[in-house]
N, C-alpha and C. Protein backbone atom coordinates (compact mmCIF):
# COMPACT_ATOMS: atom_id res chain seq x y z
N MET A 1 2.05 23.57 -9.11
CA MET A 1 2.59 22.52 -9.84
C MET A 1 3.00 21.35 -8.80
N GLU A 2 2.68 20.19 -9.20
CA GLU A 2 3.04 19.00 -8.34
C GLU A 2 4.48 18.56 -8.55
N THR A 3 5.22 18.23 -7.44
CA THR A 3 6.61 17.72 -7.66
C THR A 3 6.59 16.24 -7.99
N VAL A 4 7.53 15.73 -8.43
CA VAL A 4 7.69 14.22 -8.69
C VAL A 4 7.62 13.48 -7.33
N ALA A 5 8.26 14.05 -6.30
CA ALA A 5 8.24 13.44 -4.99
C ALA A 5 6.76 13.43 -4.42
N GLY A 6 6.07 14.48 -4.64
CA GLY A 6 4.74 14.58 -4.17
C GLY A 6 3.81 13.63 -5.01
N LEU A 7 4.06 13.41 -6.25
CA LEU A 7 3.34 12.47 -7.09
C LEU A 7 3.54 11.03 -6.57
N LYS A 8 4.87 10.72 -6.31
CA LYS A 8 5.18 9.43 -5.80
C LYS A 8 4.46 9.12 -4.50
N GLN A 9 4.41 10.13 -3.54
CA GLN A 9 3.76 9.91 -2.32
C GLN A 9 2.30 9.52 -2.54
N LYS A 10 1.62 10.07 -3.49
CA LYS A 10 0.22 9.80 -3.76
C LYS A 10 0.06 8.43 -4.50
N ALA A 11 1.05 7.96 -5.13
CA ALA A 11 0.91 6.81 -6.01
C ALA A 11 0.63 5.59 -5.11
N ILE A 12 -0.03 4.59 -5.73
CA ILE A 12 -0.30 3.36 -4.96
C ILE A 12 0.92 2.47 -5.02
N ARG A 13 1.05 1.64 -3.97
CA ARG A 13 2.08 0.60 -3.95
C ARG A 13 1.48 -0.79 -3.65
N ARG A 14 2.00 -1.74 -4.28
CA ARG A 14 1.53 -3.15 -3.90
C ARG A 14 2.70 -3.62 -2.91
N ILE A 15 2.17 -4.14 -1.84
CA ILE A 15 3.08 -4.53 -0.75
C ILE A 15 2.62 -6.01 -0.29
N ASP A 16 3.66 -6.87 -0.13
CA ASP A 16 3.51 -8.11 0.45
C ASP A 16 4.17 -8.24 1.79
N PHE A 17 3.49 -8.66 2.88
CA PHE A 17 4.17 -8.96 4.12
C PHE A 17 4.17 -10.54 4.25
N ILE A 18 5.28 -11.15 4.62
CA ILE A 18 5.43 -12.52 4.84
C ILE A 18 5.66 -12.59 6.31
N PHE A 19 4.67 -13.26 7.05
CA PHE A 19 4.74 -13.57 8.46
C PHE A 19 5.21 -14.83 8.82
N ASP A 20 5.50 -15.03 10.13
CA ASP A 20 5.91 -16.42 10.64
C ASP A 20 4.77 -17.32 10.94
N GLY A 21 3.61 -16.79 10.88
CA GLY A 21 2.38 -17.57 11.19
C GLY A 21 1.16 -16.90 10.48
N PRO A 22 -0.01 -17.40 10.63
CA PRO A 22 -1.17 -16.87 9.88
C PRO A 22 -1.60 -15.57 10.53
N VAL A 23 -2.14 -14.74 9.69
CA VAL A 23 -2.72 -13.46 10.20
C VAL A 23 -4.20 -13.26 9.45
N SER A 24 -4.92 -12.49 10.11
CA SER A 24 -6.26 -12.16 9.58
C SER A 24 -6.30 -10.99 8.69
N ALA A 25 -6.84 -11.15 7.45
CA ALA A 25 -6.95 -9.91 6.55
C ALA A 25 -7.84 -8.89 7.17
N ASP A 26 -8.67 -9.28 8.07
CA ASP A 26 -9.54 -8.16 8.71
C ASP A 26 -8.71 -7.26 9.50
N ASP A 27 -7.61 -7.66 10.06
CA ASP A 27 -6.71 -6.90 10.82
C ASP A 27 -6.19 -5.62 10.05
N PHE A 28 -6.22 -5.81 8.68
CA PHE A 28 -5.69 -4.77 7.75
C PHE A 28 -6.61 -3.99 6.91
N ARG A 29 -7.83 -4.61 6.81
CA ARG A 29 -8.84 -3.95 5.89
C ARG A 29 -9.20 -2.52 6.30
N SER A 30 -9.24 -2.27 7.57
CA SER A 30 -9.73 -0.93 8.08
C SER A 30 -8.64 0.15 8.08
N ILE A 31 -7.47 -0.24 7.81
CA ILE A 31 -6.41 0.83 7.76
C ILE A 31 -6.58 1.79 6.64
N PRO A 32 -6.64 3.09 6.87
CA PRO A 32 -6.80 4.03 5.85
C PRO A 32 -5.83 3.94 4.64
N GLY A 33 -6.36 3.89 3.36
CA GLY A 33 -5.41 3.82 2.24
C GLY A 33 -5.10 2.38 1.80
N VAL A 34 -5.55 1.32 2.64
CA VAL A 34 -5.29 -0.05 2.27
C VAL A 34 -6.49 -0.67 1.58
N THR A 35 -6.25 -1.31 0.47
CA THR A 35 -7.24 -1.94 -0.29
C THR A 35 -6.72 -3.32 -0.82
N GLU A 36 -7.68 -4.06 -1.43
CA GLU A 36 -7.32 -5.34 -2.11
C GLU A 36 -6.50 -6.34 -1.20
N VAL A 37 -6.96 -6.40 0.08
CA VAL A 37 -6.25 -7.19 1.07
C VAL A 37 -6.53 -8.78 0.81
N ARG A 38 -5.59 -9.43 0.73
CA ARG A 38 -5.68 -10.88 0.48
C ARG A 38 -4.61 -11.68 1.37
N VAL A 39 -5.02 -12.78 1.88
CA VAL A 39 -4.07 -13.60 2.61
C VAL A 39 -3.91 -14.99 1.88
N SER A 40 -2.73 -15.45 1.74
CA SER A 40 -2.46 -16.71 1.15
C SER A 40 -1.31 -17.31 2.02
N GLY A 41 -1.64 -18.37 2.77
CA GLY A 41 -0.72 -18.92 3.62
C GLY A 41 -0.35 -17.88 4.76
N PHE A 42 0.95 -17.66 4.81
CA PHE A 42 1.51 -16.68 5.68
C PHE A 42 1.80 -15.35 5.09
N THR A 43 1.31 -15.21 3.83
CA THR A 43 1.60 -13.96 3.05
C THR A 43 0.36 -13.09 2.94
N LEU A 44 0.62 -11.80 3.32
CA LEU A 44 -0.52 -10.80 3.22
C LEU A 44 -0.16 -9.88 2.03
N ASN A 45 -1.09 -9.79 1.04
CA ASN A 45 -0.97 -8.93 -0.11
C ASN A 45 -1.92 -7.77 -0.07
N MET A 46 -1.52 -6.57 -0.44
CA MET A 46 -2.38 -5.52 -0.42
C MET A 46 -1.97 -4.29 -1.35
N VAL A 47 -2.89 -3.37 -1.52
CA VAL A 47 -2.48 -2.23 -2.25
C VAL A 47 -2.58 -1.05 -1.28
N VAL A 48 -1.59 -0.15 -1.27
CA VAL A 48 -1.58 0.93 -0.32
C VAL A 48 -1.32 2.23 -0.93
N GLN A 49 -2.13 3.21 -0.53
CA GLN A 49 -1.92 4.57 -1.11
C GLN A 49 -1.80 5.53 0.15
N GLY A 50 -0.90 6.38 0.19
CA GLY A 50 -0.72 7.38 1.22
C GLY A 50 0.21 6.97 2.30
N ASN A 51 -0.09 7.37 3.50
CA ASN A 51 0.81 7.14 4.72
C ASN A 51 0.96 5.68 5.01
N LEU A 52 2.16 5.16 5.16
CA LEU A 52 2.47 3.77 5.49
C LEU A 52 2.50 3.49 6.98
N ASP A 53 2.56 4.49 7.76
CA ASP A 53 2.74 4.34 9.19
C ASP A 53 1.67 3.46 9.84
N PRO A 54 0.41 3.65 9.64
CA PRO A 54 -0.58 2.77 10.21
C PRO A 54 -0.47 1.31 9.79
N LEU A 55 -0.06 1.14 8.57
CA LEU A 55 0.14 -0.31 8.09
C LEU A 55 1.35 -0.91 8.77
N ILE A 56 2.43 -0.21 8.94
CA ILE A 56 3.66 -0.77 9.57
C ILE A 56 3.33 -1.04 11.02
N LYS A 57 2.59 -0.23 11.67
CA LYS A 57 2.21 -0.41 12.96
C LYS A 57 1.40 -1.70 13.24
N ALA A 58 0.42 -1.86 12.33
CA ALA A 58 -0.47 -3.06 12.37
C ALA A 58 0.35 -4.28 12.09
N ALA A 59 1.28 -4.21 11.12
CA ALA A 59 2.10 -5.45 10.78
C ALA A 59 3.06 -5.78 11.92
N ALA A 60 3.47 -4.70 12.62
CA ALA A 60 4.55 -4.99 13.79
C ALA A 60 3.85 -5.73 14.95
N ARG A 61 2.57 -5.81 15.02
CA ARG A 61 1.88 -6.71 16.03
C ARG A 61 2.16 -8.26 15.79
N HIS A 62 2.65 -8.51 14.62
CA HIS A 62 3.01 -9.87 14.27
C HIS A 62 4.53 -10.02 14.03
N THR A 63 5.05 -11.20 13.85
CA THR A 63 6.40 -11.39 13.51
C THR A 63 6.55 -11.36 11.99
N VAL A 64 7.18 -10.31 11.45
CA VAL A 64 7.38 -10.10 10.04
C VAL A 64 8.62 -10.85 9.57
N ARG A 65 8.64 -11.75 8.64
CA ARG A 65 9.81 -12.40 8.14
C ARG A 65 10.37 -11.63 6.89
N ASN A 66 9.48 -10.91 6.15
CA ASN A 66 9.97 -10.29 4.96
C ASN A 66 8.93 -9.29 4.48
N ILE A 67 9.33 -8.16 3.79
CA ILE A 67 8.41 -7.28 3.14
C ILE A 67 8.83 -7.09 1.67
N VAL A 68 7.96 -7.20 0.74
CA VAL A 68 8.26 -7.03 -0.68
C VAL A 68 7.40 -5.90 -1.12
N THR A 69 7.98 -4.96 -1.77
CA THR A 69 7.10 -3.81 -2.29
C THR A 69 7.33 -3.69 -3.80
N TYR A 70 6.33 -3.31 -4.45
CA TYR A 70 6.25 -3.16 -5.95
C TYR A 70 5.99 -1.73 -6.28
N GLU A 71 6.97 -1.07 -7.05
CA GLU A 71 6.70 0.20 -7.48
C GLU A 71 5.51 0.22 -8.50
N PRO A 72 4.72 1.37 -8.44
CA PRO A 72 3.56 1.37 -9.41
C PRO A 72 4.10 1.44 -10.86
N ASN A 73 3.34 0.94 -11.73
CA ASN A 73 3.74 1.06 -13.18
C ASN A 73 3.18 2.47 -13.57
N LEU A 74 3.47 2.82 -14.68
CA LEU A 74 3.15 4.21 -15.29
C LEU A 74 1.64 4.32 -15.24
N GLU A 75 0.89 3.39 -15.60
CA GLU A 75 -0.61 3.48 -15.62
C GLU A 75 -1.18 3.73 -14.23
N GLU A 76 -0.68 2.86 -13.22
CA GLU A 76 -1.15 3.03 -11.87
C GLU A 76 -0.81 4.40 -11.33
N PHE A 77 0.42 4.92 -11.65
CA PHE A 77 0.86 6.12 -11.21
C PHE A 77 -0.08 7.23 -11.59
N PHE A 78 -0.39 7.30 -12.91
CA PHE A 78 -1.27 8.33 -13.40
C PHE A 78 -2.66 8.21 -13.04
N LEU A 79 -3.23 6.95 -12.91
CA LEU A 79 -4.53 6.81 -12.45
C LEU A 79 -4.73 7.37 -10.96
N ALA A 80 -3.69 7.10 -10.14
CA ALA A 80 -3.74 7.48 -8.80
C ALA A 80 -3.65 9.10 -8.78
N PHE A 81 -2.85 9.66 -9.67
CA PHE A 81 -2.67 11.05 -9.72
C PHE A 81 -3.95 11.76 -10.13
N TYR A 82 -4.64 11.34 -11.16
CA TYR A 82 -5.86 11.93 -11.52
C TYR A 82 -7.02 11.70 -10.60
N ARG A 83 -7.02 10.47 -9.97
CA ARG A 83 -7.99 10.10 -8.89
C ARG A 83 -8.03 11.19 -7.80
N GLU A 84 -6.81 11.67 -7.46
CA GLU A 84 -6.61 12.70 -6.37
C GLU A 84 -6.96 14.01 -6.93
N GLY A 85 -7.44 14.23 -8.03
CA GLY A 85 -7.75 15.61 -8.48
C GLY A 85 -6.49 16.30 -9.01
N GLY A 86 -5.49 15.58 -9.49
CA GLY A 86 -4.22 16.26 -9.95
C GLY A 86 -4.39 16.75 -11.33
N SER A 87 -5.46 16.64 -12.01
CA SER A 87 -5.58 17.16 -13.39
C SER A 87 -5.37 18.66 -13.41
N HIS A 88 -5.71 19.40 -12.30
CA HIS A 88 -5.44 20.86 -12.28
C HIS A 88 -4.01 21.21 -12.28
N ALA A 89 -3.04 20.27 -11.96
CA ALA A 89 -1.69 20.58 -11.95
C ALA A 89 -0.94 20.55 -13.29
N ALA A 90 -1.68 20.15 -14.30
CA ALA A 90 -1.11 19.91 -15.63
C ALA A 90 -0.88 21.29 -16.22
């Protein structure tokens, strides 16, 4: 049976990084678990699932002014759970 903490770790997160200058979306597209990468001005928006360490290390190569994270809503939470094969845990 899956724990709530384990489910949260699998869930997707929407994250915005605000930098002090322009960044290339291509610097972040190849990071495992990172999708929907968009840049608008100095803001980088993306969806992340799984380990955040590679993303944080990539962002640290630039000057980060702010980070905004959005918790997944219930629908995103369950879609991520079942996408990972979690239906057997029910």
